[in-house]
Amino acid sequence: LIAERDADRELVGVRVYRGLPDSTRDPKGYAASHRQKARWEQS
């Protein structure tokens, strides 16, 4: 969406920075974050 605002742009990368729950303190949040990361990185 950001790149296509101008026809003379090409999206070459998206970098996402995010916190990762601790696997021992928040196993549910940790698992959900890993599923989300895996889905995003399919591209």
All heavy atoms as atom14 arrays in JSON, in Angstrom:
{
  "sequence": "LIAERDADRELVGVRVYRGLPDSTRDPKGYAASHRQKARWEQS",
  "atom14_mask": [
    [1, 1, 1, 1, 1, 1, 1, 1, 0, 0, 0, 0, 0, 0],
    [1, 1, 1, 1, 1, 1, 1, 1, 0, 0, 0, 0, 0, 0],
    [1, 1, 1, 1, 1, 0, 0, 0, 0, 0, 0, 0, 0, 0],
    [1, 1, 1, 1, 1, 1, 1, 1, 1, 0, 0, 0, 0, 0],
    [1, 1, 1, 1, 1, 1, 1, 1, 1, 1, 1, 0, 0, 0],
    [1, 1, 1, 1, 1, 1, 1, 1, 0, 0, 0, 0, 0, 0],
    [1, 1, 1, 1, 1, 0, 0, 0, 0, 0, 0, 0, 0, 0],
    [1, 1, 1, 1, 1, 1, 1, 1, 0, 0, 0, 0, 0, 0],
    [1, 1, 1, 1, 1, 1, 1, 1, 1, 1, 1, 0, 0, 0],
    [1, 1, 1, 1, 1, 1, 1, 1, 1, 0, 0, 0, 0, 0],
    [1, 1, 1, 1, 1, 1, 1, 1, 0, 0, 0, 0, 0, 0],
    [1, 1, 1, 1, 1, 1, 1, 0, 0, 0, 0, 0, 0, 0],
    [1, 1, 1, 1, 0, 0, 0, 0, 0, 0, 0, 0, 0, 0],
    [1, 1, 1, 1, 1, 1, 1, 0, 0, 0, 0, 0, 0, 0],
    [1, 1, 1, 1, 1, 1, 1, 1, 1, 1, 1, 0, 0, 0],
    [1, 1, 1, 1, 1, 1, 1, 0, 0, 0, 0, 0, 0, 0],
    [1, 1, 1, 1, 1, 1, 1, 1, 1, 1, 1, 1, 0, 0],
    [1, 1, 1, 1, 1, 1, 1, 1, 1, 1, 1, 0, 0, 0],
    [1, 1, 1, 1, 0, 0, 0, 0, 0, 0, 0, 0, 0, 0],
    [1, 1, 1, 1, 1, 1, 1, 1, 0, 0, 0, 0, 0, 0],
    [1, 1, 1, 1, 1, 1, 1, 0, 0, 0, 0, 0, 0, 0],
    [1, 1, 1, 1, 1, 1, 1, 1, 0, 0, 0, 0, 0, 0],
    [1, 1, 1, 1, 1, 1, 0, 0, 0, 0, 0, 0, 0, 0],
    [1, 1, 1, 1, 1, 1, 1, 0, 0, 0, 0, 0, 0, 0],
    [1, 1, 1, 1, 1, 1, 1, 1, 1, 1, 1, 0, 0, 0],
    [1, 1, 1, 1, 1, 1, 1, 1, 0, 0, 0, 0, 0, 0],
    [1, 1, 1, 1, 1, 1, 1, 0, 0, 0, 0, 0, 0, 0],
    [1, 1, 1, 1, 1, 1, 1, 1, 1, 0, 0, 0, 0, 0],
    [1, 1, 1, 1, 0, 0, 0, 0, 0, 0, 0, 0, 0, 0],
    [1, 1, 1, 1, 1, 1, 1, 1, 1, 1, 1, 1, 0, 0],
    [1, 1, 1, 1, 1, 0, 0, 0, 0, 0, 0, 0, 0, 0],
    [1, 1, 1, 1, 1, 0, 0, 0, 0, 0, 0, 0, 0, 0],
    [1, 1, 1, 1, 1, 1, 0, 0, 0, 0, 0, 0, 0, 0],
    [1, 1, 1, 1, 1, 1, 1, 1, 1, 1, 0, 0, 0, 0],
    [1, 1, 1, 1, 1, 1, 1, 1, 1, 1, 1, 0, 0, 0],
    [1, 1, 1, 1, 1, 1, 1, 1, 1, 0, 0, 0, 0, 0],
    [1, 1, 1, 1, 1, 1, 1, 1, 1, 0, 0, 0, 0, 0],
    [1, 1, 1, 1, 1, 0, 0, 0, 0, 0, 0, 0, 0, 0],
    [1, 1, 1, 1, 1, 1, 1, 1, 1, 1, 1, 0, 0, 0],
    [1, 1, 1, 1, 1, 1, 1, 1, 1, 1, 1, 1, 1, 1],
    [1, 1, 1, 1, 1, 1, 1, 1, 1, 0, 0, 0, 0, 0],
    [1, 1, 1, 1, 1, 1, 1, 1, 1, 0, 0, 0, 0, 0],
    [1, 1, 1, 1, 1, 1, 0, 0, 0, 0, 0, 0, 0, 0]
  ],
  "atom14_positions": [
    [[0.83, -1.2, 0.0], [0.0, 0.0, 0.0], [0.87, 1.26, 0.0], [0.61, 2.2, -0.76], [-0.92, -0.01, 1.22], [-1.88, 1.16, 1.36], [-2.93, 1.12, 0.25], [-2.56, 1.12, 2.72], [0.0, 0.0, 0.0], [0.0, 0.0, 0.0], [0.0, 0.0, 0.0], [0.0, 0.0, 0.0], [0.0, 0.0, 0.0], [0.0, 0.0, 0.0]],
    [[1.9, 1.27, 0.81], [2.8, 2.42, 0.88], [3.55, 2.59, -0.44], [3.63, 3.69, -0.99], [3.77, 2.28, 2.07], [2.99, 2.4, 3.38], [4.89, 3.32, 1.99], [3.78, 2.02, 4.61], [0.0, 0.0, 0.0], [0.0, 0.0, 0.0], [0.0, 0.0, 0.0], [0.0, 0.0, 0.0], [0.0, 0.0, 0.0], [0.0, 0.0, 0.0]],
    [[4.12, 1.5, -0.95], [4.93, 1.58, -2.17], [4.1, 1.93, -3.39], [4.57, 2.67, -4.27], [5.66, 0.26, -2.4], [0.0, 0.0, 0.0], [0.0, 0.0, 0.0], [0.0, 0.0, 0.0], [0.0, 0.0, 0.0], [0.0, 0.0, 0.0], [0.0, 0.0, 0.0], [0.0, 0.0, 0.0], [0.0, 0.0, 0.0], [0.0, 0.0, 0.0]],
    [[2.88, 1.44, -3.47], [2.08, 1.64, -4.66], [1.42, 3.01, -4.74], [0.71, 3.28, -5.71], [1.02, 0.53, -4.76], [1.64, -0.83, -5.03], [0.65, -1.98, -4.92], [-0.54, -1.73, -4.6], [1.08, -3.12, -5.15], [0.0, 0.0, 0.0], [0.0, 0.0, 0.0], [0.0, 0.0, 0.0], [0.0, 0.0, 0.0], [0.0, 0.0, 0.0]],
    [[1.67, 3.86, -3.79], [1.12, 5.22, -3.86], [1.74, 6.0, -5.01], [1.22, 7.0, -5.44], [1.35, 5.95, -2.54], [0.54, 5.32, -1.41], [0.55, 6.16, -0.19], [-0.18, 7.39, -0.48], [-0.22, 8.42, 0.33], [0.43, 8.39, 1.45], [-0.9, 9.49, 0.0], [0.0, 0.0, 0.0], [0.0, 0.0, 0.0], [0.0, 0.0, 0.0]],
    [[2.89, 5.54, -5.47], [3.59, 6.18, -6.58], [3.98, 5.08, -7.57], [4.59, 4.08, -7.19], [4.85, 6.88, -6.05], [5.57, 7.68, -7.12], [5.45, 7.34, -8.32], [6.27, 8.63, -6.76], [0.0, 0.0, 0.0], [0.0, 0.0, 0.0], [0.0, 0.0, 0.0], [0.0, 0.0, 0.0], [0.0, 0.0, 0.0], [0.0, 0.0, 0.0]],
    [[3.62, 5.25, -8.84], [3.87, 4.22, -9.85], [5.36, 3.96, -10.06], [5.74, 2.91, -10.56], [3.23, 4.63, -11.17], [0.0, 0.0, 0.0], [0.0, 0.0, 0.0], [0.0, 0.0, 0.0], [0.0, 0.0, 0.0], [0.0, 0.0, 0.0], [0.0, 0.0, 0.0], [0.0, 0.0, 0.0], [0.0, 0.0, 0.0], [0.0, 0.0, 0.0]],
    [[6.2, 4.89, -9.65], [7.63, 4.73, -9.85], [8.33, 4.12, -8.63], [9.51, 4.35, -8.41], [8.28, 6.09, -10.17], [7.83, 6.61, -11.52], [7.48, 5.79, -12.39], [7.82, 7.84, -11.69], [0.0, 0.0, 0.0], [0.0, 0.0, 0.0], [0.0, 0.0, 0.0], [0.0, 0.0, 0.0], [0.0, 0.0, 0.0], [0.0, 0.0, 0.0]],
    [[7.6, 3.33, -7.85], [8.18, 2.68, -6.67], [8.02, 1.18, -6.78], [7.02, 0.67, -7.28], [7.49, 3.14, -5.39], [7.72, 4.57, -5.03], [7.03, 4.86, -3.73], [7.1, 6.26, -3.39], [6.39, 6.81, -2.42], [5.57, 6.08, -1.7], [6.51, 8.09, -2.16], [0.0, 0.0, 0.0], [0.0, 0.0, 0.0], [0.0, 0.0, 0.0]],
    [[9.0, 0.48, -6.23], [8.96, -0.99, -6.18], [9.26, -1.42, -4.75], [10.31, -1.07, -4.2], [10.0, -1.58, -7.13], [10.13, -3.08, -7.02], [11.33, -3.61, -7.77], [12.17, -2.82, -8.27], [11.43, -4.85, -7.84], [0.0, 0.0, 0.0], [0.0, 0.0, 0.0], [0.0, 0.0, 0.0], [0.0, 0.0, 0.0], [0.0, 0.0, 0.0]],
    [[8.37, -2.19, -4.14], [8.6, -2.71, -2.8], [9.61, -3.85, -2.87], [9.39, -4.84, -3.55], [7.29, -3.22, -2.18], [7.41, -3.76, -0.76], [7.75, -2.64, 0.22], [6.1, -4.44, -0.35], [0.0, 0.0, 0.0], [0.0, 0.0, 0.0], [0.0, 0.0, 0.0], [0.0, 0.0, 0.0], [0.0, 0.0, 0.0], [0.0, 0.0, 0.0]],
    [[10.74, -3.68, -2.19], [11.77, -4.72, -2.2], [11.95, -5.37, -0.84], [12.64, -6.38, -0.73], [13.12, -4.18, -2.72], [13.0, -3.75, -4.17], [13.64, -3.06, -1.84], [0.0, 0.0, 0.0], [0.0, 0.0, 0.0], [0.0, 0.0, 0.0], [0.0, 0.0, 0.0], [0.0, 0.0, 0.0], [0.0, 0.0, 0.0], [0.0, 0.0, 0.0]],
    [[11.34, -4.8, 0.2], [11.48, -5.4, 1.51], [10.56, -4.81, 2.54], [10.18, -3.65, 2.46], [0.0, 0.0, 0.0], [0.0, 0.0, 0.0], [0.0, 0.0, 0.0], [0.0, 0.0, 0.0], [0.0, 0.0, 0.0], [0.0, 0.0, 0.0], [0.0, 0.0, 0.0], [0.0, 0.0, 0.0], [0.0, 0.0, 0.0], [0.0, 0.0, 0.0]],
    [[10.18, -5.65, 3.49], [9.42, -5.21, 4.66], [10.13, -5.79, 5.87], [10.39, -7.0, 5.92], [7.95, -5.7, 4.63], [7.22, -5.29, 5.9], [7.23, -5.19, 3.4], [0.0, 0.0, 0.0], [0.0, 0.0, 0.0], [0.0, 0.0, 0.0], [0.0, 0.0, 0.0], [0.0, 0.0, 0.0], [0.0, 0.0, 0.0], [0.0, 0.0, 0.0]],
    [[10.5, -4.94, 6.81], [11.16, -5.38, 8.04], [10.23, -5.08, 9.2], [9.79, -3.95, 9.38], [12.48, -4.64, 8.26], [13.47, -4.77, 7.12], [14.0, -6.2, 7.01], [14.96, -6.31, 5.94], [14.66, -6.69, 4.69], [13.42, -6.96, 4.36], [15.6, -6.78, 3.77], [0.0, 0.0, 0.0], [0.0, 0.0, 0.0], [0.0, 0.0, 0.0]],
    [[9.91, -6.11, 9.95], [9.02, -5.97, 11.09], [9.83, -6.24, 12.35], [10.51, -7.26, 12.46], [7.84, -6.97, 11.01], [6.92, -6.8, 12.21], [7.09, -6.82, 9.71], [0.0, 0.0, 0.0], [0.0, 0.0, 0.0], [0.0, 0.0, 0.0], [0.0, 0.0, 0.0], [0.0, 0.0, 0.0], [0.0, 0.0, 0.0], [0.0, 0.0, 0.0]],
    [[9.75, -5.34, 13.3], [10.43, -5.48, 14.59], [9.37, -5.65, 15.65], [8.45, -4.83, 15.76], [11.3, -4.24, 14.85], [12.36, -4.1, 13.8], [12.1, -3.47, 12.59], [13.62, -4.67, 13.99], [13.06, -3.39, 11.6], [14.59, -4.58, 13.0], [14.3, -3.95, 11.82], [15.25, -3.87, 10.84], [0.0, 0.0, 0.0], [0.0, 0.0, 0.0]],
    [[9.49, -6.75, 16.42], [8.46, -7.01, 17.43], [9.02, -7.76, 18.61], [10.02, -8.46, 18.51], [7.29, -7.78, 16.82], [7.62, -9.18, 16.37], [6.4, -10.07, 16.28], [5.79, -10.17, 17.58], [4.5, -10.41, 17.78], [3.69, -10.59, 16.79], [4.01, -10.49, 19.0], [0.0, 0.0, 0.0], [0.0, 0.0, 0.0], [0.0, 0.0, 0.0]],
    [[8.34, -7.61, 19.74], [8.71, -8.35, 20.94], [8.25, -9.79, 20.83], [7.25, -10.09, 20.17], [0.0, 0.0, 0.0], [0.0, 0.0, 0.0], [0.0, 0.0, 0.0], [0.0, 0.0, 0.0], [0.0, 0.0, 0.0], [0.0, 0.0, 0.0], [0.0, 0.0, 0.0], [0.0, 0.0, 0.0], [0.0, 0.0, 0.0], [0.0, 0.0, 0.0]],
    [[8.98, -10.68, 21.48], [8.66, -12.11, 21.47], [8.44, -12.55, 22.91], [9.35, -12.46, 23.74], [9.81, -12.91, 20.85], [9.64, -14.41, 20.77], [8.48, -14.78, 19.84], [10.93, -15.06, 20.3], [0.0, 0.0, 0.0], [0.0, 0.0, 0.0], [0.0, 0.0, 0.0], [0.0, 0.0, 0.0], [0.0, 0.0, 0.0], [0.0, 0.0, 0.0]],
    [[7.23, -13.04, 23.23], [7.0, -13.53, 24.59], [7.96, -14.65, 24.95], [8.4, -15.42, 24.09], [5.55, -14.05, 24.54], [4.92, -13.28, 23.42], [6.03, -13.1, 22.4], [0.0, 0.0, 0.0], [0.0, 0.0, 0.0], [0.0, 0.0, 0.0], [0.0, 0.0, 0.0], [0.0, 0.0, 0.0], [0.0, 0.0, 0.0], [0.0, 0.0, 0.0]],
    [[8.29, -14.75, 26.23], [9.16, -15.81, 26.72], [8.4, -17.13, 26.7], [7.26, -17.2, 27.15], [9.6, -15.46, 28.15], [10.57, -16.46, 28.71], [10.12, -17.55, 29.14], [11.78, -16.16, 28.74], [0.0, 0.0, 0.0], [0.0, 0.0, 0.0], [0.0, 0.0, 0.0], [0.0, 0.0, 0.0], [0.0, 0.0, 0.0], [0.0, 0.0, 0.0]],
    [[9.04, -18.17, 26.19], [8.36, -19.47, 26.03], [7.98, -20.1, 27.36], [7.0, -20.86, 27.42], [9.23, -20.43, 25.23], [10.44, -20.69, 25.91], [0.0, 0.0, 0.0], [0.0, 0.0, 0.0], [0.0, 0.0, 0.0], [0.0, 0.0, 0.0], [0.0, 0.0, 0.0], [0.0, 0.0, 0.0], [0.0, 0.0, 0.0], [0.0, 0.0, 0.0]],
    [[8.71, -19.81, 28.45], [8.37, -20.4, 29.75], [7.36, -19.58, 30.52], [6.57, -20.12, 31.28], [9.64, -20.57, 30.61], [10.26, -19.3, 30.81], [10.62, -21.53, 29.94], [0.0, 0.0, 0.0], [0.0, 0.0, 0.0], [0.0, 0.0, 0.0], [0.0, 0.0, 0.0], [0.0, 0.0, 0.0], [0.0, 0.0, 0.0], [0.0, 0.0, 0.0]],
    [[7.35, -18.28, 30.33], [6.41, -17.42, 31.06], [5.08, -17.23, 30.35], [4.07, -16.96, 30.98], [7.05, -16.06, 31.33], [8.17, -16.16, 32.34], [8.77, -14.8, 32.57], [9.45, -14.83, 33.84], [9.32, -13.89, 34.77], [8.56, -12.86, 34.55], [9.97, -13.99, 35.89], [0.0, 0.0, 0.0], [0.0, 0.0, 0.0], [0.0, 0.0, 0.0]],
    [[5.1, -17.29, 29.03], [3.88, -17.08, 28.24], [3.9, -18.02, 27.04], [4.06, -17.58, 25.9], [3.79, -15.63, 27.81], [2.5, -15.29, 27.07], [1.63, -16.17, 26.94], [2.4, -14.14, 26.6], [0.0, 0.0, 0.0], [0.0, 0.0, 0.0], [0.0, 0.0, 0.0], [0.0, 0.0, 0.0], [0.0, 0.0, 0.0], [0.0, 0.0, 0.0]],
    [[3.73, -19.34, 27.28], [3.82, -20.29, 26.16], [2.76, -20.06, 25.08], [3.03, -20.24, 23.89], [3.67, -21.66, 26.82], [3.31, -21.43, 28.23], [3.55, -20.0, 28.56], [0.0, 0.0, 0.0], [0.0, 0.0, 0.0], [0.0, 0.0, 0.0], [0.0, 0.0, 0.0], [0.0, 0.0, 0.0], [0.0, 0.0, 0.0], [0.0, 0.0, 0.0]],
    [[1.58, -19.64, 25.47], [0.51, -19.39, 24.49], [0.87, -18.2, 23.6], [0.75, -18.26, 22.37], [-0.81, -19.14, 25.23], [-1.99, -19.0, 24.33], [-3.27, -18.84, 25.17], [-4.46, -18.6, 24.29], [-5.7, -18.43, 25.07], [0.0, 0.0, 0.0], [0.0, 0.0, 0.0], [0.0, 0.0, 0.0], [0.0, 0.0, 0.0], [0.0, 0.0, 0.0]],
    [[1.34, -17.1, 24.21], [1.75, -15.93, 23.44], [2.97, -16.22, 22.57], [3.06, -15.74, 21.43], [0.0, 0.0, 0.0], [0.0, 0.0, 0.0], [0.0, 0.0, 0.0], [0.0, 0.0, 0.0], [0.0, 0.0, 0.0], [0.0, 0.0, 0.0], [0.0, 0.0, 0.0], [0.0, 0.0, 0.0], [0.0, 0.0, 0.0], [0.0, 0.0, 0.0]],
    [[3.89, -17.03, 23.1], [5.08, -17.42, 22.35], [4.69, -18.19, 21.1], [5.16, -17.9, 20.0], [5.99, -18.25, 23.25], [7.24, -18.77, 22.58], [8.36, -17.97, 22.46], [7.29, -20.07, 22.09], [9.52, -18.44, 21.86], [8.44, -20.56, 21.49], [9.55, -19.74, 21.37], [10.68, -20.21, 20.77], [0.0, 0.0, 0.0], [0.0, 0.0, 0.0]],
    [[3.81, -19.17, 21.26], [3.37, -19.99, 20.12], [2.63, -19.14, 19.09], [2.85, -19.28, 17.88], [2.48, -21.13, 20.6], [0.0, 0.0, 0.0], [0.0, 0.0, 0.0], [0.0, 0.0, 0.0], [0.0, 0.0, 0.0], [0.0, 0.0, 0.0], [0.0, 0.0, 0.0], [0.0, 0.0, 0.0], [0.0, 0.0, 0.0], [0.0, 0.0, 0.0]],
    [[1.76, -18.24, 19.56], [1.0, -17.38, 18.65], [1.95, -16.46, 17.87], [1.79, -16.27, 16.66], [-0.02, -16.56, 19.42], [0.0, 0.0, 0.0], [0.0, 0.0, 0.0], [0.0, 0.0, 0.0], [0.0, 0.0, 0.0], [0.0, 0.0, 0.0], [0.0, 0.0, 0.0], [0.0, 0.0, 0.0], [0.0, 0.0, 0.0], [0.0, 0.0, 0.0]],
    [[2.95, -15.93, 18.55], [3.92, -15.04, 17.88], [4.71, -15.79, 16.81], [4.97, -15.25, 15.74], [4.89, -14.44, 18.9], [4.21, -13.58, 19.77], [0.0, 0.0, 0.0], [0.0, 0.0, 0.0], [0.0, 0.0, 0.0], [0.0, 0.0, 0.0], [0.0, 0.0, 0.0], [0.0, 0.0, 0.0], [0.0, 0.0, 0.0], [0.0, 0.0, 0.0]],
    [[5.07, -17.03, 17.11], [5.81, -17.82, 16.12], [4.95, -18.17, 14.91], [5.44, -18.17, 13.78], [6.41, -19.07, 16.76], [7.78, -18.83, 17.29], [8.9, -18.81, 16.49], [8.22, -18.53, 18.54], [9.96, -18.54, 17.22], [9.57, -18.35, 18.47], [0.0, 0.0, 0.0], [0.0, 0.0, 0.0], [0.0, 0.0, 0.0], [0.0, 0.0, 0.0]],
    [[3.67, -18.46, 15.14], [2.77, -18.72, 14.01], [2.63, -17.48, 13.15], [2.66, -17.55, 11.91], [1.39, -19.18, 14.5], [1.35, -20.59, 15.03], [-0.07, -21.07, 15.27], [-0.86, -20.19, 16.11], [-0.92, -20.27, 17.44], [-0.22, -21.19, 18.08], [-1.67, -19.45, 18.13], [0.0, 0.0, 0.0], [0.0, 0.0, 0.0], [0.0, 0.0, 0.0]],
    [[2.48, -16.33, 13.79], [2.34, -15.07, 13.07], [3.61, -14.77, 12.27], [3.55, -14.42, 11.08], [2.07, -13.95, 14.07], [1.74, -12.62, 13.47], [1.45, -11.59, 14.53], [2.24, -11.4, 15.45], [0.31, -10.93, 14.41], [0.0, 0.0, 0.0], [0.0, 0.0, 0.0], [0.0, 0.0, 0.0], [0.0, 0.0, 0.0], [0.0, 0.0, 0.0]],
    [[4.77, -14.94, 12.87], [6.05, -14.71, 12.19], [6.2, -15.64, 11.0], [6.59, -15.2, 9.9], [7.2, -14.92, 13.18], [8.59, -14.71, 12.61], [9.64, -14.97, 13.7], [11.04, -14.67, 13.27], [11.58, -15.58, 12.29], [0.0, 0.0, 0.0], [0.0, 0.0, 0.0], [0.0, 0.0, 0.0], [0.0, 0.0, 0.0], [0.0, 0.0, 0.0]],
    [[5.87, -16.91, 11.18], [5.98, -17.89, 10.08], [5.06, -17.51, 8.93], [5.44, -17.61, 7.75], [5.67, -19.29, 10.58], [0.0, 0.0, 0.0], [0.0, 0.0, 0.0], [0.0, 0.0, 0.0], [0.0, 0.0, 0.0], [0.0, 0.0, 0.0], [0.0, 0.0, 0.0], [0.0, 0.0, 0.0], [0.0, 0.0, 0.0], [0.0, 0.0, 0.0]],
    [[3.86, -17.05, 9.25], [2.93, -16.65, 8.19], [3.46, -15.44, 7.43], [3.44, -15.41, 6.21], [1.56, -16.34, 8.78], [0.55, -15.95, 7.72], [-0.84, -15.74, 8.31], [-1.75, -15.26, 7.31], [-1.84, -13.99, 6.92], [-1.07, -13.08, 7.45], [-2.71, -13.63, 5.99], [0.0, 0.0, 0.0], [0.0, 0.0, 0.0], [0.0, 0.0, 0.0]],
    [[3.93, -14.44, 8.16], [4.45, -13.24, 7.51], [5.64, -13.57, 6.62], [5.78, -13.02, 5.53], [4.88, -12.2, 8.54], [3.77, -11.56, 9.31], [2.43, -11.54, 9.01], [3.91, -10.83, 10.52], [1.74, -10.85, 9.96], [2.62, -10.4, 10.9], [4.98, -10.51, 11.33], [2.39, -9.65, 12.04], [4.76, -9.76, 12.48], [3.47, -9.34, 12.82]],
    [[6.52, -14.45, 7.09], [7.75, -14.75, 6.35], [7.54, -15.77, 5.24], [8.52, -16.18, 4.61], [8.84, -15.19, 7.32], [9.36, -14.02, 8.15], [10.52, -14.36, 9.04], [10.64, -15.53, 9.47], [11.33, -13.45, 9.31], [0.0, 0.0, 0.0], [0.0, 0.0, 0.0], [0.0, 0.0, 0.0], [0.0, 0.0, 0.0], [0.0, 0.0, 0.0]],
    [[6.3, -16.14, 4.95], [6.04, -16.95, 3.76], [6.42, -16.17, 2.51], [6.74, -16.75, 1.48], [4.58, -17.38, 3.69], [4.23, -18.46, 4.68], [2.76, -18.84, 4.64], [1.93, -18.13, 4.07], [2.43, -19.95, 5.26], [0.0, 0.0, 0.0], [0.0, 0.0, 0.0], [0.0, 0.0, 0.0], [0.0, 0.0, 0.0], [0.0, 0.0, 0.0]],
    [[6.39, -14.86, 2.61], [6.84, -14.01, 1.51], [8.32, -13.72, 1.71], [8.73, -13.29, 2.79], [6.07, -12.68, 1.49], [6.72, -11.77, 0.63], [0.0, 0.0, 0.0], [0.0, 0.0, 0.0], [0.0, 0.0, 0.0], [0.0, 0.0, 0.0], [0.0, 0.0, 0.0], [0.0, 0.0, 0.0], [0.0, 0.0, 0.0], [0.0, 0.0, 0.0]]
  ]
}
